[in-house]
Protein backbone atom coordinates (compact mmCIF):
# COMPACT_ATOMS: atom_id res chain seq x y z
CA MET A 1 157.07 124.72 76.53
CA ASN A 2 157.07 121.46 74.52
CA ASN A 3 153.93 119.45 73.64
CA ASN A 4 154.39 117.05 76.57
CA GLY A 5 154.52 120.03 78.93
CA LYS A 6 151.40 121.53 77.48
CA GLU A 7 149.58 118.33 77.70
CA ILE A 8 150.53 117.93 81.36
CA THR A 9 149.45 121.49 82.07
CA ASN A 10 146.13 120.98 80.25
CA THR A 11 145.50 117.71 82.10
CA ILE A 12 146.24 119.30 85.49
CA GLY A 13 143.96 122.20 84.56
CA PHE A 14 141.17 119.79 83.59
CA LEU A 15 141.59 117.84 86.84
CA LEU A 16 141.42 120.94 88.98
CA LYS A 17 138.24 122.08 87.24
CA GLU A 18 136.74 118.74 87.90
CA LEU A 19 137.83 118.90 91.57
CA HIS A 20 136.33 122.34 91.83
CA LYS A 21 132.95 121.07 90.53
CA GLU A 22 133.03 118.21 93.09
CA TRP A 23 133.97 120.51 95.94
CA ASP A 24 131.25 122.99 95.06
CA ARG A 25 128.59 120.27 95.65
CA SER A 26 127.34 119.85 99.09
CA GLY A 27 127.16 116.21 100.31
CA ILE A 28 124.31 114.49 102.12
CA ALA A 29 123.25 116.46 105.25
CA THR A 30 124.50 114.62 108.36
CA ALA A 31 123.37 117.16 110.93
CA SER A 32 121.73 120.55 111.38
CA VAL A 33 122.81 123.46 113.32
CA VAL A 34 120.53 126.02 114.86
CA ILE A 35 121.48 129.67 114.87
CA ALA A 36 119.37 132.22 116.82
CA ILE A 37 118.41 135.23 114.79
CA GLU A 38 120.13 137.55 117.28
CA GLU A 39 123.48 135.53 116.61
CA ILE A 40 123.41 136.02 112.87
CA LYS A 41 125.44 139.29 112.97
CA GLU A 42 128.19 137.62 114.97
CA VAL A 43 128.14 134.49 112.79
CA ASN A 44 128.60 136.68 109.72
CA GLN A 45 131.48 138.49 111.34
CA VAL A 46 133.30 135.23 112.11
CA LEU A 47 132.74 134.07 108.58
CA PHE A 48 134.07 137.29 107.18
CA ARG A 49 137.25 136.98 109.34
CA LYS A 50 137.75 133.42 108.17
CA ILE A 51 137.49 134.56 104.56
CA SER A 52 139.92 137.38 105.25
CA GLU A 53 142.40 135.03 106.83
CA THR A 54 142.15 132.76 103.95
CA GLN A 55 142.67 135.61 101.50
CA HIS A 56 145.90 136.61 103.41
CA LEU A 57 147.16 133.01 103.09
CA VAL A 58 146.55 133.02 99.31
CA GLU A 59 148.31 136.41 98.95
CA ALA A 60 151.35 135.26 100.99
CA ASN A 61 152.07 132.97 98.15
CA ASP A 62 154.50 130.74 100.22
CA MET A 63 152.54 127.54 99.52
CA THR A 64 153.52 124.31 97.97
CA TRP A 65 151.25 122.80 95.31
CA LYS A 66 149.77 120.39 97.79
CA GLU A 67 149.08 123.12 100.41
CA SER A 68 147.50 125.15 97.56
CA VAL A 69 145.10 122.27 96.64
CA VAL A 70 144.26 121.73 100.33
CA LEU A 71 143.49 125.40 100.89
CA SER A 72 141.43 125.42 97.69
CA LYS A 73 139.21 122.66 99.02
CA LYS A 74 138.79 124.42 102.35
CA CYS A 75 137.72 127.52 100.53
CA TYR A 76 135.02 125.61 98.69
CA VAL A 77 133.78 124.15 101.96
CA LEU A 78 133.71 127.63 103.50
CA LEU A 79 131.83 129.00 100.41
CA ARG A 80 129.29 126.26 100.68
CA LEU A 81 128.67 126.96 104.36
CA VAL A 82 128.42 130.78 103.70
CA ARG A 83 125.92 130.13 100.91
CA LYS A 84 123.75 127.90 103.22
CA ILE A 85 123.68 130.46 106.01
CA LYS A 86 123.02 133.34 103.66
CA ALA A 87 120.12 131.47 101.93
CA LYS A 88 118.48 130.67 105.33
CA GLU A 89 119.06 134.24 106.47
CA GLY A 90 117.29 135.46 103.24
CA MET A 91 114.38 133.06 104.07
CA LYS A 92 114.33 134.45 107.58
CA ASN A 93 113.69 137.95 106.14
CA GLN A 94 110.64 136.60 104.43
CA LYS A 95 109.24 134.77 107.56
CA VAL A 96 109.91 136.78 110.65
CA ARG A 97 107.97 134.46 112.93
CA ASN A 98 110.76 131.90 113.54
CA GLN A 99 113.54 133.06 115.87
CA GLU A 100 116.09 130.48 114.78
CA LEU A 101 117.66 129.24 111.58
CA SER A 102 118.06 125.47 111.22
CA ILE A 103 120.81 124.78 108.58
CA PRO A 104 121.48 121.25 107.37
CA LEU A 105 125.19 120.63 106.85
CA ASP A 106 127.20 117.78 105.32
CA LYS A 107 130.14 116.35 107.24
CA GLU A 108 132.74 118.79 105.85
CA GLU A 109 130.56 121.84 106.45
CA LEU A 110 129.70 120.53 110.01
CA LYS A 111 133.45 120.00 110.77
CA LEU A 112 134.22 123.66 109.58
CA PHE A 113 131.21 124.96 111.60
CA LYS A 114 132.53 123.28 114.75
CA GLU A 115 135.94 124.76 114.15
CA LEU A 116 134.57 128.21 113.81
CA PHE A 117 131.59 128.00 116.30
CA GLY A 118 132.45 125.07 118.55
CA ALA A 119 131.12 126.83 121.70
CA LYS A 120 127.74 127.46 119.97
CA ILE A 121 127.03 123.78 119.23
CA LYS A 122 124.52 122.26 121.52
């Protein structure tokens, strides 16, 4: 690869790293969702299925560059959502009194939550 090709590759790599940092950060919470303690197991199963589906898409390797970047962003939003739910679930284990988890979400996380659990949103 010539110097120009290496420079382009390095620039694209840098830009992707910067995008990943940005996507890893949650935005301002626009809404909160409430999950009952007895629904946590079902929520975790749905999240696991979504992660598995995404993994199969990645492994299929039939994506264009644009589709790959879009999927990467969706993965980061999914990761943020899973982290928030797991963090609240961990807090629930410390405080057994509350029968619900209230999870603040930014607009991207809320959109994904609605896609996955639309029927559960009140």
